Amino acid sequence: MKAAMRRNEPVPAVDPGHDGLFDAKAAPEDSALQTGHSVSRYLDDAWITARVRTVLLKEVKLAGLDVEVDTLHGLVRLSGQVDSPSRLAAAERAVAGIEGVRRIRNDLRLRAPR
């Protein structure tokens, strides 16, 4: 193992001429970079979702709401039930001010009166 690590052998995928020069055309697509972008987007969306939930819980008018939050590429989807039109509008207003939110899909419904 140590001997293999000490050898300076060319990697055929990126050094087809065995001259020690990197050939970008011969290199495979960098799936690690692509995965990094996917992970970054996922983390951004997860952060937005967490922030939306926090804001909804802290808002006095929105405390105790039955609201689900999903985020994909900055599009926040609110779903669930609220007990008044004012709370429905307040939820959307609160989310609109959060950094990273590009659009809001408000699928909240009014709960039937008891």
C-alpha atoms as a PDB file:
ATOM      1  CA  MET A   1       0.000   0.000   0.000  1.00  0.00           C
ATOM      2  CA  LYS A   2       2.726   2.477   0.969  1.00  0.00           C
ATOM      3  CA  ALA A   3       4.663   1.622  -2.184  1.00  0.00           C
ATOM      4  CA  ALA A   4       1.614   2.359  -4.313  1.00  0.00           C
ATOM      5  CA  MET A   5       1.148   5.688  -2.563  1.00  0.00           C
ATOM      6  CA  ARG A   6       4.771   6.656  -3.214  1.00  0.00           C
ATOM      7  CA  ARG A   7       4.598   5.841  -6.907  1.00  0.00           C
ATOM      8  CA  ASN A   8       3.661   8.704  -9.135  1.00  0.00           C
ATOM      9  CA  GLU A   9       1.578   6.799 -11.642  1.00  0.00           C
ATOM     10  CA  PRO A  10      -0.632   8.549 -14.183  1.00  0.00           C
ATOM     11  CA  VAL A  11      -4.383   8.221 -13.849  1.00  0.00           C
ATOM     12  CA  PRO A  12      -5.577   7.111 -17.293  1.00  0.00           C
ATOM     13  CA  ALA A  13      -8.913   8.927 -17.017  1.00  0.00           C
ATOM     14  CA  VAL A  14      -7.261  12.347 -16.688  1.00  0.00           C
ATOM     15  CA  ASP A  15      -3.754  11.717 -18.061  1.00  0.00           C
ATOM     16  CA  PRO A  16      -4.257   9.742 -21.270  1.00  0.00           C
ATOM     17  CA  GLY A  17      -0.852  10.813 -22.656  1.00  0.00           C
ATOM     18  CA  HIS A  18       0.938   9.657 -19.485  1.00  0.00           C
ATOM     19  CA  ASP A  19       2.819  12.955 -19.513  1.00  0.00           C
ATOM     20  CA  GLY A  20       1.707  14.174 -16.095  1.00  0.00           C
ATOM     21  CA  LEU A  21      -0.595  16.807 -17.600  1.00  0.00           C
ATOM     22  CA  PHE A  22      -4.261  17.004 -16.695  1.00  0.00           C
ATOM     23  CA  ASP A  23      -6.609  16.664 -19.676  1.00  0.00           C
ATOM     24  CA  ALA A  24      -9.927  18.264 -18.758  1.00  0.00           C
ATOM     25  CA  LYS A  25     -11.631  16.748 -21.805  1.00  0.00           C
ATOM     26  CA  ALA A  26     -10.675  13.264 -20.648  1.00  0.00           C
ATOM     27  CA  ALA A  27     -11.839  13.845 -17.076  1.00  0.00           C
ATOM     28  CA  PRO A  28     -15.217  12.398 -16.129  1.00  0.00           C
ATOM     29  CA  GLU A  29     -18.000  14.735 -15.096  1.00  0.00           C
ATOM     30  CA  ASP A  30     -17.356  15.869 -11.565  1.00  0.00           C
ATOM     31  CA  SER A  31     -20.309  14.253  -9.876  1.00  0.00           C
ATOM     32  CA  ALA A  32     -19.009  15.426  -6.504  1.00  0.00           C
ATOM     33  CA  LEU A  33     -19.469  19.030  -7.592  1.00  0.00           C
ATOM     34  CA  GLN A  34     -22.919  18.269  -8.953  1.00  0.00           C
ATOM     35  CA  THR A  35     -23.792  16.505  -5.717  1.00  0.00           C
ATOM     36  CA  GLY A  36     -22.424  19.491  -3.812  1.00  0.00           C
ATOM     37  CA  HIS A  37     -24.860  21.762  -5.615  1.00  0.00           C
ATOM     38  CA  SER A  38     -27.719  19.380  -4.803  1.00  0.00           C
ATOM     39  CA  VAL A  39     -26.712  19.249  -1.149  1.00  0.00           C
ATOM     40  CA  SER A  40     -26.413  23.023  -1.050  1.00  0.00           C
ATOM     41  CA  ARG A  41     -29.908  23.442  -2.507  1.00  0.00           C
ATOM     42  CA  TYR A  42     -31.284  20.881  -0.070  1.00  0.00           C
ATOM     43  CA  LEU A  43     -29.675  22.672   2.875  1.00  0.00           C
ATOM     44  CA  ASP A  44     -30.946  26.033   1.649  1.00  0.00           C
ATOM     45  CA  ASP A  45     -34.463  24.616   1.399  1.00  0.00           C
ATOM     46  CA  ALA A  46     -34.167  22.963   4.819  1.00  0.00           C
ATOM     47  CA  TRP A  47     -33.001  26.271   6.325  1.00  0.00           C
ATOM     48  CA  ILE A  48     -35.921  28.125   4.711  1.00  0.00           C
ATOM     49  CA  THR A  49     -38.395  25.513   5.981  1.00  0.00           C
ATOM     50  CA  ALA A  50     -36.996  25.756   9.518  1.00  0.00           C
ATOM     51  CA  ARG A  51     -37.091  29.553   9.392  1.00  0.00           C
ATOM     52  CA  VAL A  52     -40.698  29.551   8.121  1.00  0.00           C
ATOM     53  CA  ARG A  53     -41.781  27.201  10.919  1.00  0.00           C
ATOM     54  CA  THR A  54     -40.010  29.381  13.490  1.00  0.00           C
ATOM     55  CA  VAL A  55     -41.633  32.554  12.199  1.00  0.00           C
ATOM     56  CA  LEU A  56     -45.082  30.926  12.139  1.00  0.00           C
ATOM     57  CA  LEU A  57     -44.669  29.703  15.725  1.00  0.00           C
ATOM     58  CA  LYS A  58     -43.418  33.061  17.010  1.00  0.00           C
ATOM     59  CA  GLU A  59     -46.135  35.142  15.369  1.00  0.00           C
ATOM     60  CA  VAL A  60     -48.797  35.754  18.019  1.00  0.00           C
ATOM     61  CA  LYS A  61     -51.623  35.547  15.491  1.00  0.00           C
ATOM     62  CA  LEU A  62     -50.235  32.310  14.094  1.00  0.00           C
ATOM     63  CA  ALA A  63     -49.433  30.380  17.274  1.00  0.00           C
ATOM     64  CA  GLY A  64     -50.972  26.919  17.362  1.00  0.00           C
ATOM     65  CA  LEU A  65     -51.815  26.733  13.681  1.00  0.00           C
ATOM     66  CA  ASP A  66     -52.038  23.378  11.929  1.00  0.00           C
ATOM     67  CA  VAL A  67     -49.683  24.330   9.085  1.00  0.00           C
ATOM     68  CA  GLU A  68     -47.335  22.117   7.076  1.00  0.00           C
ATOM     69  CA  VAL A  69     -44.346  23.724   5.354  1.00  0.00           C
ATOM     70  CA  ASP A  70     -42.545  22.302   2.319  1.00  0.00           C
ATOM     71  CA  THR A  71     -39.779  24.064   0.395  1.00  0.00           C
ATOM     72  CA  LEU A  72     -38.277  23.246  -2.983  1.00  0.00           C
ATOM     73  CA  HIS A  73     -35.805  25.612  -4.674  1.00  0.00           C
ATOM     74  CA  GLY A  74     -37.118  28.555  -2.669  1.00  0.00           C
ATOM     75  CA  LEU A  75     -40.790  27.825  -3.419  1.00  0.00           C
ATOM     76  CA  VAL A  76     -42.534  27.528  -0.057  1.00  0.00           C
ATOM     77  CA  ARG A  77     -45.794  25.602   0.077  1.00  0.00           C
ATOM     78  CA  LEU A  78     -48.058  26.173   3.053  1.00  0.00           C
ATOM     79  CA  SER A  79     -50.800  23.618   3.634  1.00  0.00           C
ATOM     80  CA  GLY A  80     -53.160  22.797   6.441  1.00  0.00           C
ATOM     81  CA  GLN A  81     -56.028  24.555   8.153  1.00  0.00           C
ATOM     82  CA  VAL A  82     -56.452  27.895   9.852  1.00  0.00           C
ATOM     83  CA  ASP A  83     -59.450  29.278  11.698  1.00  0.00           C
ATOM     84  CA  SER A  84     -59.802  32.693  10.034  1.00  0.00           C
ATOM     85  CA  PRO A  85     -59.087  34.549   6.799  1.00  0.00           C
ATOM     86  CA  SER A  86     -56.902  36.993   8.735  1.00  0.00           C
ATOM     87  CA  ARG A  87     -54.638  34.161   9.936  1.00  0.00           C
ATOM     88  CA  LEU A  88     -54.440  32.788   6.415  1.00  0.00           C
ATOM     89  CA  ALA A  89     -53.249  36.181   5.127  1.00  0.00           C
ATOM     90  CA  ALA A  90     -50.943  36.700   8.134  1.00  0.00           C
ATOM     91  CA  ALA A  91     -49.196  33.392   7.439  1.00  0.00           C
ATOM     92  CA  GLU A  92     -48.468  34.399   3.862  1.00  0.00           C
ATOM     93  CA  ARG A  93     -47.266  37.875   4.877  1.00  0.00           C
ATOM     94  CA  ALA A  94     -44.936  36.412   7.512  1.00  0.00           C
ATOM     95  CA  VAL A  95     -43.388  33.963   5.047  1.00  0.00           C
ATOM     96  CA  ALA A  96     -42.947  36.600   2.332  1.00  0.00           C
ATOM     97  CA  GLY A  97     -40.409  38.458   4.464  1.00  0.00           C
ATOM     98  CA  ILE A  98     -38.059  35.494   4.918  1.00  0.00           C
ATOM     99  CA  GLU A  99     -34.723  35.545   3.109  1.00  0.00           C
ATOM    100  CA  GLY A 100     -34.472  32.901   0.384  1.00  0.00           C
ATOM    101  CA  VAL A 101     -38.213  32.610  -0.212  1.00  0.00           C
ATOM    102  CA  ARG A 102     -38.728  33.099  -3.931  1.00  0.00           C
ATOM    103  CA  ARG A 103     -42.417  32.278  -4.143  1.00  0.00           C
ATOM    104  CA  ILE A 104     -45.213  31.143  -1.880  1.00  0.00           C
ATOM    105  CA  ARG A 105     -47.880  28.620  -2.717  1.00  0.00           C
ATOM    106  CA  ASN A 106     -50.554  29.146  -0.111  1.00  0.00           C
ATOM    107  CA  ASP A 107     -52.707  26.017   0.044  1.00  0.00           C
ATOM    108  CA  LEU A 108     -54.046  26.835   3.505  1.00  0.00           C
ATOM    109  CA  ARG A 109     -57.769  26.212   3.949  1.00  0.00           C
ATOM    110  CA  LEU A 110     -60.256  27.663   6.378  1.00  0.00           C
ATOM    111  CA  ARG A 111     -61.260  25.239   9.107  1.00  0.00           C
ATOM    112  CA  ALA A 112     -64.990  24.573   9.306  1.00  0.00           C
ATOM    113  CA  PRO A 113     -66.578  26.373  12.271  1.00  0.00           C
ATOM    114  CA  ARG A 114     -67.337  24.148  15.257  1.00  0.00           C
END
